[in-house]
PDB file of N, CA and C in Angstrom:
ATOM      1  N   MET A   1      -3.033  -9.578 -12.400  1.00  0.00           N
ATOM      2  CA  MET A   1      -1.549 -10.040 -11.764  1.00  0.00           C
ATOM      3  C   MET A   1      -2.274  -9.184 -10.460  1.00  0.00           C
ATOM      4  N   THR A   2      -1.514  -9.647  -9.769  1.00  0.00           N
ATOM      5  CA  THR A   2      -1.222  -9.418  -7.975  1.00  0.00           C
ATOM      6  C   THR A   2       0.626  -9.159  -7.881  1.00  0.00           C
ATOM      7  N   TYR A   3       0.862  -7.284  -7.468  1.00  0.00           N
ATOM      8  CA  TYR A   3       2.023  -6.566  -7.176  1.00  0.00           C
ATOM      9  C   TYR A   3       2.407  -6.864  -6.069  1.00  0.00           C
ATOM     10  N   GLU A   4       3.243  -7.375  -4.943  1.00  0.00           N
ATOM     11  CA  GLU A   4       3.694  -7.714  -4.107  1.00  0.00           C
ATOM     12  C   GLU A   4       4.781  -6.596  -3.477  1.00  0.00           C
ATOM     13  N   TYR A   5       4.802  -5.470  -2.856  1.00  0.00           N
ATOM     14  CA  TYR A   5       5.511  -4.718  -2.441  1.00  0.00           C
ATOM     15  C   TYR A   5       6.244  -4.890  -1.074  1.00  0.00           C
ATOM     16  N   ASP A   6       7.259  -5.386  -0.597  1.00  0.00           N
ATOM     17  CA  ASP A   6       7.595  -5.449   1.174  1.00  0.00           C
ATOM     18  C   ASP A   6       8.808  -4.226   1.458  1.00  0.00           C
ATOM     19  N   ALA A   7       7.703  -3.191   2.557  1.00  0.00           N
ATOM     20  CA  ALA A   7       8.297  -2.186   2.379  1.00  0.00           C
ATOM     21  C   ALA A   7       8.820  -1.762   3.860  1.00  0.00           C
ATOM     22  N   ARG A   8       8.299  -3.085   4.546  1.00  0.00           N
ATOM     23  CA  ARG A   8       8.762  -3.500   6.004  1.00  0.00           C
ATOM     24  C   ARG A   8       9.762  -2.639   6.751  1.00  0.00           C
ATOM     25  N   ASP A   9      11.476  -2.530   5.956  1.00  0.00           N
ATOM     26  CA  ASP A   9      12.248  -2.010   6.396  1.00  0.00           C
ATOM     27  C   ASP A   9      12.254  -0.422   5.415  1.00  0.00           C
ATOM     28  N   GLU A  10      11.484  -0.153   4.923  1.00  0.00           N
ATOM     29  CA  GLU A  10      11.588   1.236   4.340  1.00  0.00           C
ATOM     30  C   GLU A  10      10.769   2.095   5.339  1.00  0.00           C
ATOM     31  N   LYS A  11      11.126   3.747   5.027  1.00  0.00           N
ATOM     32  CA  LYS A  11      10.804   4.980   6.053  1.00  0.00           C
ATOM     33  C   LYS A  11       9.873   5.792   4.958  1.00  0.00           C
ATOM     34  N   CYS A  12       9.153   6.432   5.564  1.00  0.00           N
ATOM     35  CA  CYS A  12       8.779   7.386   4.596  1.00  0.00           C
ATOM     36  C   CYS A  12       9.437   8.558   4.075  1.00  0.00           C
ATOM     37  N   PRO A  13       9.139   9.312   3.023  1.00  0.00           N
ATOM     38  CA  PRO A  13       8.315   8.825   1.835  1.00  0.00           C
ATOM     39  C   PRO A  13       8.190   7.560   0.897  1.00  0.00           C
ATOM     40  N   LEU A  14       9.390   6.954   1.188  1.00  0.00           N
ATOM     41  CA  LEU A  14       9.883   5.854   0.178  1.00  0.00           C
ATOM     42  C   LEU A  14       8.552   4.667  -0.162  1.00  0.00           C
ATOM     43  N   PRO A  15       8.115   4.315   1.285  1.00  0.00           N
ATOM     44  CA  PRO A  15       6.861   3.165   0.373  1.00  0.00           C
ATOM     45  C   PRO A  15       5.467   3.556  -0.367  1.00  0.00           C
ATOM     46  N   LEU A  16       5.385   5.568   0.098  1.00  0.00           N
ATOM     47  CA  LEU A  16       4.290   5.791  -0.649  1.00  0.00           C
ATOM     48  C   LEU A  16       4.995   5.982  -2.060  1.00  0.00           C
ATOM     49  N   VAL A  17       5.671   6.871  -2.309  1.00  0.00           N
ATOM     50  CA  VAL A  17       6.454   6.805  -3.854  1.00  0.00           C
ATOM     51  C   VAL A  17       6.007   5.783  -4.453  1.00  0.00           C
ATOM     52  N   LYS A  18       6.945   4.576  -3.861  1.00  0.00           N
ATOM     53  CA  LYS A  18       7.086   3.223  -4.688  1.00  0.00           C
ATOM     54  C   LYS A  18       5.829   2.581  -5.057  1.00  0.00           C
ATOM     55  N   MET A  19       4.789   3.026  -4.120  1.00  0.00           N
ATOM     56  CA  MET A  19       2.929   2.344  -3.995  1.00  0.00           C
ATOM     57  C   MET A  19       2.554   3.090  -4.982  1.00  0.00           C
ATOM     58  N   ARG A  20       2.501   4.747  -5.555  1.00  0.00           N
ATOM     59  CA  ARG A  20       2.154   5.210  -6.592  1.00  0.00           C
ATOM     60  C   ARG A  20       2.827   4.953  -7.535  1.00  0.00           C
ATOM     61  N   LEU A  21       3.945   4.532  -7.867  1.00  0.00           N
ATOM     62  CA  LEU A  21       4.320   3.761  -9.099  1.00  0.00           C
ATOM     63  C   LEU A  21       4.018   2.811  -9.684  1.00  0.00           C
ATOM     64  N   LEU A  22       3.417   1.487  -8.327  1.00  0.00           N
ATOM     65  CA  LEU A  22       2.994   0.078  -8.774  1.00  0.00           C
ATOM     66  C   LEU A  22       1.671   0.518  -9.492  1.00  0.00           C
ATOM     67  N   LEU A  23       1.010   1.823  -8.464  1.00  0.00           N
ATOM     68  CA  LEU A  23      -0.786   1.913  -8.653  1.00  0.00           C
ATOM     69  C   LEU A  23      -0.556   2.129 -10.556  1.00  0.00           C
ATOM     70  N   LYS A  24       0.210   2.975 -10.891  1.00  0.00           N
ATOM     71  CA  LYS A  24       0.399   3.109 -12.281  1.00  0.00           C
ATOM     72  C   LYS A  24       0.602   2.000 -13.410  1.00  0.00           C
ATOM     73  N   LYS A  25       1.156   0.765 -13.109  1.00  0.00           N
ATOM     74  CA  LYS A  25       1.534  -0.046 -13.637  1.00  0.00           C
ATOM     75  C   LYS A  25       0.059  -0.870 -13.436  1.00  0.00           C
ATOM     76  N   MET A  26      -0.455  -0.801 -12.828  1.00  0.00           N
ATOM     77  CA  MET A  26      -1.822  -1.735 -12.210  1.00  0.00           C
ATOM     78  C   MET A  26      -2.845  -1.670 -13.688  1.00  0.00           C
ATOM     79  N   GLN A  27      -3.530  -2.689 -13.708  1.00  0.00           N
ATOM     80  CA  GLN A  27      -4.810  -2.877 -14.509  1.00  0.00           C
ATOM     81  C   GLN A  27      -5.588  -3.119 -14.327  1.00  0.00           C
ATOM     82  N   ARG A  28      -6.943  -3.133 -14.787  1.00  0.00           N
ATOM     83  CA  ARG A  28      -7.873  -3.112 -14.198  1.00  0.00           C
ATOM     84  C   ARG A  28      -8.277  -4.314 -13.775  1.00  0.00           C
ATOM     85  N   HIS A  29      -8.315  -4.707 -12.375  1.00  0.00           N
ATOM     86  CA  HIS A  29      -8.861  -6.097 -11.371  1.00  0.00           C
ATOM     87  C   HIS A  29      -7.392  -6.567 -11.226  1.00  0.00           C
ATOM     88  N   ASP A  30      -6.032  -6.021 -11.112  1.00  0.00           N
ATOM     89  CA  ASP A  30      -5.150  -6.262 -10.496  1.00  0.00           C
ATOM     90  C   ASP A  30      -5.294  -5.823  -9.140  1.00  0.00           C
ATOM     91  N   THR A  31      -4.183  -6.441  -8.041  1.00  0.00           N
ATOM     92  CA  THR A  31      -4.237  -6.269  -6.817  1.00  0.00           C
ATOM     93  C   THR A  31      -2.650  -5.968  -6.647  1.00  0.00           C
ATOM     94  N   CYS A  32      -2.774  -4.698  -5.674  1.00  0.00           N
ATOM     95  CA  CYS A  32      -1.232  -4.560  -4.801  1.00  0.00           C
ATOM     96  C   CYS A  32      -1.106  -4.830  -3.102  1.00  0.00           C
ATOM     97  N   LEU A  33      -0.323  -5.637  -3.089  1.00  0.00           N
ATOM     98  CA  LEU A  33      -0.261  -6.319  -1.481  1.00  0.00           C
ATOM     99  C   LEU A  33       0.892  -5.975  -0.845  1.00  0.00           C
ATOM    100  N   MET A  34       0.741  -5.162  -0.450  1.00  0.00           N
ATOM    101  CA  MET A  34       1.948  -3.842   0.488  1.00  0.00           C
ATOM    102  C   MET A  34       1.905  -4.925   2.118  1.00  0.00           C
ATOM    103  N   ILE A  35       3.520  -4.913   2.522  1.00  0.00           N
ATOM    104  CA  ILE A  35       3.669  -4.972   3.765  1.00  0.00           C
ATOM    105  C   ILE A  35       4.582  -3.242   4.406  1.00  0.00           C
ATOM    106  N   ILE A  36       4.009  -2.408   5.474  1.00  0.00           N
ATOM    107  CA  ILE A  36       4.379  -1.494   5.898  1.00  0.00           C
ATOM    108  C   ILE A  36       4.908  -1.684   7.181  1.00  0.00           C
ATOM    109  N   ALA A  37       6.003  -1.158   7.984  1.00  0.00           N
ATOM    110  CA  ALA A  37       5.994  -0.800   9.354  1.00  0.00           C
ATOM    111  C   ALA A  37       5.956   0.618   9.684  1.00  0.00           C
ATOM    112  N   ASP A  38       6.580   1.365   8.930  1.00  0.00           N
ATOM    113  CA  ASP A  38       6.506   2.714   8.987  1.00  0.00           C
ATOM    114  C   ASP A  38       5.456   3.456   9.517  1.00  0.00           C
ATOM    115  N   GLN A  39       5.609   4.047  10.663  1.00  0.00           N
ATOM    116  CA  GLN A  39       4.305   4.578  11.397  1.00  0.00           C
ATOM    117  C   GLN A  39       3.686   5.960  10.434  1.00  0.00           C
ATOM    118  N   GLY A  40       4.657   6.506   9.994  1.00  0.00           N
ATOM    119  CA  GLY A  40       3.922   7.656   8.552  1.00  0.00           C
ATOM    120  C   GLY A  40       3.529   6.554   7.703  1.00  0.00           C
ATOM    121  N   SER A  41       3.940   6.321   7.009  1.00  0.00           N
ATOM    122  CA  SER A  41       3.455   5.698   5.848  1.00  0.00           C
ATOM    123  C   SER A  41       2.021   4.683   6.427  1.00  0.00           C
ATOM    124  N   LYS A  42       1.869   4.146   7.243  1.00  0.00           N
ATOM    125  CA  LYS A  42       0.629   3.765   8.053  1.00  0.00           C
ATOM    126  C   LYS A  42      -0.402   4.861   8.240  1.00  0.00           C
ATOM    127  N   THR A  43      -0.541   6.176   8.177  1.00  0.00           N
ATOM    128  CA  THR A  43      -0.954   7.197   7.899  1.00  0.00           C
ATOM    129  C   THR A  43      -1.501   7.779   6.834  1.00  0.00           C
ATOM    130  N   ASP A  44       0.086   8.161   6.307  1.00  0.00           N
ATOM    131  CA  ASP A  44      -0.440   8.301   4.821  1.00  0.00           C
ATOM    132  C   ASP A  44      -0.730   7.647   3.762  1.00  0.00           C
ATOM    133  N   ILE A  45      -0.499   6.629   3.380  1.00  0.00           N
ATOM    134  CA  ILE A  45      -1.261   5.693   2.829  1.00  0.00           C
ATOM    135  C   ILE A  45      -2.336   5.322   2.293  1.00  0.00           C
ATOM    136  N   PRO A  46      -3.202   4.718   3.831  1.00  0.00           N
ATOM    137  CA  PRO A  46      -4.425   4.836   3.710  1.00  0.00           C
ATOM    138  C   PRO A  46      -5.121   6.152   3.331  1.00  0.00           C
ATOM    139  N   LYS A  47      -4.754   7.131   3.925  1.00  0.00           N
ATOM    140  CA  LYS A  47      -5.239   8.491   3.488  1.00  0.00           C
ATOM    141  C   LYS A  47      -4.884   9.035   1.579  1.00  0.00           C
ATOM    142  N   TYR A  48      -3.903   8.519   1.023  1.00  0.00           N
ATOM    143  CA  TYR A  48      -3.697   8.392  -0.234  1.00  0.00           C
ATOM    144  C   TYR A  48      -4.723   7.764  -0.933  1.00  0.00           C
ATOM    145  N   LEU A  49      -4.952   6.377  -0.274  1.00  0.00           N
ATOM    146  CA  LEU A  49      -6.057   5.787  -1.520  1.00  0.00           C
ATOM    147  C   LEU A  49      -7.222   6.052  -1.648  1.00  0.00           C
ATOM    148  N   ILE A  50      -7.590   6.620   0.352  1.00  0.00           N
ATOM    149  CA  ILE A  50      -8.854   7.203   0.284  1.00  0.00           C
ATOM    150  C   ILE A  50      -9.232   8.441  -0.582  1.00  0.00           C
ATOM    151  N   ASN A  51      -8.249   8.929  -0.758  1.00  0.00           N
ATOM    152  CA  ASN A  51      -8.547  10.945  -1.542  1.00  0.00           C
ATOM    153  C   ASN A  51      -8.206   9.956  -2.608  1.00  0.00           C
ATOM    154  N   LYS A  52      -7.908   9.086  -3.405  1.00  0.00           N
ATOM    155  CA  LYS A  52      -7.630   8.804  -4.943  1.00  0.00           C
ATOM    156  C   LYS A  52      -8.746   7.729  -5.340  1.00  0.00           C
ATOM    157  N   GLY A  53      -9.744   7.746  -4.398  1.00  0.00           N
ATOM    158  CA  GLY A  53     -10.764   6.413  -4.934  1.00  0.00           C
ATOM    159  C   GLY A  53     -10.778   5.150  -4.958  1.00  0.00           C
ATOM    160  N   TYR A  54      -9.076   4.890  -4.565  1.00  0.00           N
ATOM    161  CA  TYR A  54      -8.754   3.456  -4.321  1.00  0.00           C
ATOM    162  C   TYR A  54      -9.628   2.488  -3.290  1.00  0.00           C
ATOM    163  N   GLN A  55     -10.172   1.301  -3.849  1.00  0.00           N
ATOM    164  CA  GLN A  55     -10.728   0.090  -2.839  1.00  0.00           C
ATOM    165  C   GLN A  55      -9.101  -0.607  -2.197  1.00  0.00           C
ATOM    166  N   PHE A  56      -9.457  -0.696  -0.699  1.00  0.00           N
ATOM    167  CA  PHE A  56      -8.075  -1.143  -0.246  1.00  0.00           C
ATOM    168  C   PHE A  56      -9.121  -2.288   0.937  1.00  0.00           C
ATOM    169  N   THR A  57      -8.042  -2.946   1.736  1.00  0.00           N
ATOM    170  CA  THR A  57      -8.317  -3.504   2.634  1.00  0.00           C
ATOM    171  C   THR A  57      -7.037  -3.683   4.022  1.00  0.00           C
ATOM    172  N   GLN A  58      -7.268  -3.112   4.917  1.00  0.00           N
ATOM    173  CA  GLN A  58      -5.974  -2.994   6.075  1.00  0.00           C
ATOM    174  C   GLN A  58      -6.041  -3.830   7.154  1.00  0.00           C
ATOM    175  N   GLN A  59      -5.062  -4.629   6.951  1.00  0.00           N
ATOM    176  CA  GLN A  59      -5.197  -5.430   8.605  1.00  0.00           C
ATOM    177  C   GLN A  59      -3.604  -5.522   9.155  1.00  0.00           C
ATOM    178  N   ASN A  60      -3.703  -5.758  10.882  1.00  0.00           N
ATOM    179  CA  ASN A  60      -2.624  -5.461  11.436  1.00  0.00           C
ATOM    180  C   ASN A  60      -1.629  -6.935  11.087  1.00  0.00           C
ATOM    181  N   ILE A  61      -0.643  -7.431  10.823  1.00  0.00           N
ATOM    182  CA  ILE A  61       0.127  -8.983  10.756  1.00  0.00           C
ATOM    183  C   ILE A  61       0.417  -8.868  12.257  1.00  0.00           C
ATOM    184  N   SER A  62       1.070  -8.020  12.516  1.00  0.00           N
ATOM    185  CA  SER A  62       1.744  -8.085  13.875  1.00  0.00           C
ATOM    186  C   SER A  62       1.628  -6.688  14.879  1.00  0.00           C
ATOM    187  N   SER A  63       1.844  -6.172  15.754  1.00  0.00           N
ATOM    188  CA  SER A  63       2.007  -4.971  16.631  1.00  0.00           C
ATOM    189  C   SER A  63       2.529  -4.177  15.988  1.00  0.00           C
ATOM    190  N   VAL A  64       3.598  -4.456  14.686  1.00  0.00           N
ATOM    191  CA  VAL A  64       4.234  -3.368  14.080  1.00  0.00           C
ATOM    192  C   VAL A  64       4.727  -3.649  12.499  1.00  0.00           C
ATOM    193  N   LEU A  65       3.645  -4.537  12.084  1.00  0.00           N
ATOM    194  CA  LEU A  65       3.730  -4.969  10.525  1.00  0.00           C
ATOM    195  C   LEU A  65       2.140  -4.751  10.318  1.00  0.00           C
ATOM    196  N   VAL A  66       1.503  -3.620   8.676  1.00  0.00           N
ATOM    197  CA  VAL A  66       0.842  -3.763   8.712  1.00  0.00           C
ATOM    198  C   VAL A  66       0.437  -4.069   7.066  1.00  0.00           C
ATOM    199  N   GLU A  67      -0.676  -4.800   6.604  1.00  0.00           N
ATOM    200  CA  GLU A  67      -0.921  -5.546   5.349  1.00  0.00           C
ATOM    201  C   GLU A  67      -1.840  -4.448   4.668  1.00  0.00           C
ATOM    202  N   ILE A  68      -1.499  -4.146   3.782  1.00  0.00           N
ATOM    203  CA  ILE A  68      -2.850  -3.451   2.654  1.00  0.00           C
ATOM    204  C   ILE A  68      -2.746  -4.233   1.517  1.00  0.00           C
ATOM    205  N   ARG A  69      -4.053  -4.343   1.064  1.00  0.00           N
ATOM    206  CA  ARG A  69      -4.376  -5.103  -0.596  1.00  0.00           C
ATOM    207  C   ARG A  69      -5.179  -4.281  -1.049  1.00  0.00           C
ATOM    208  N   ILE A  70      -4.940  -3.682  -2.250  1.00  0.00           N
ATOM    209  CA  ILE A  70      -5.091  -2.540  -2.938  1.00  0.00           C
ATOM    210  C   ILE A  70      -6.163  -3.115  -4.476  1.00  0.00           C
ATOM    211  N   THR A  71      -7.009  -3.261  -4.807  1.00  0.00           N
ATOM    212  CA  THR A  71      -7.544  -3.383  -5.745  1.00  0.00           C
ATOM    213  C   THR A  71      -7.878  -2.174  -6.780  1.00  0.00           C
ATOM    214  N   ASN A  72      -7.354  -2.367  -7.875  1.00  0.00           N
ATOM    215  CA  ASN A  72      -7.216  -1.443  -9.192  1.00  0.00           C
ATOM    216  C   ASN A  72      -9.287  -1.065  -9.011  1.00  0.00           C
ATOM    217  N   ARG A  73      -9.475  -0.023  -9.389  1.00  0.00           N
ATOM    218  CA  ARG A  73     -10.673   0.422  -9.418  1.00  0.00           C
ATOM    219  C   ARG A  73     -11.268  -0.039 -11.242  1.00  0.00           C
TER     220      ARG A  73
END
């Protein structure tokens, strides 16, 4: 299953909190696709994912927006 979360209009820490809730729902081989714009979230979310051992990719989709694709371990 793929979870999609558009957080482009949300400010830190809301995207991090909502992402953590989505990660709890995810089953093995599920994917979470996030779009974020908040500068704090752009640094905090990858740090959290690395710390917890999640596999993810990060791609700039514009000068402001970042797409993060997380796969469940």
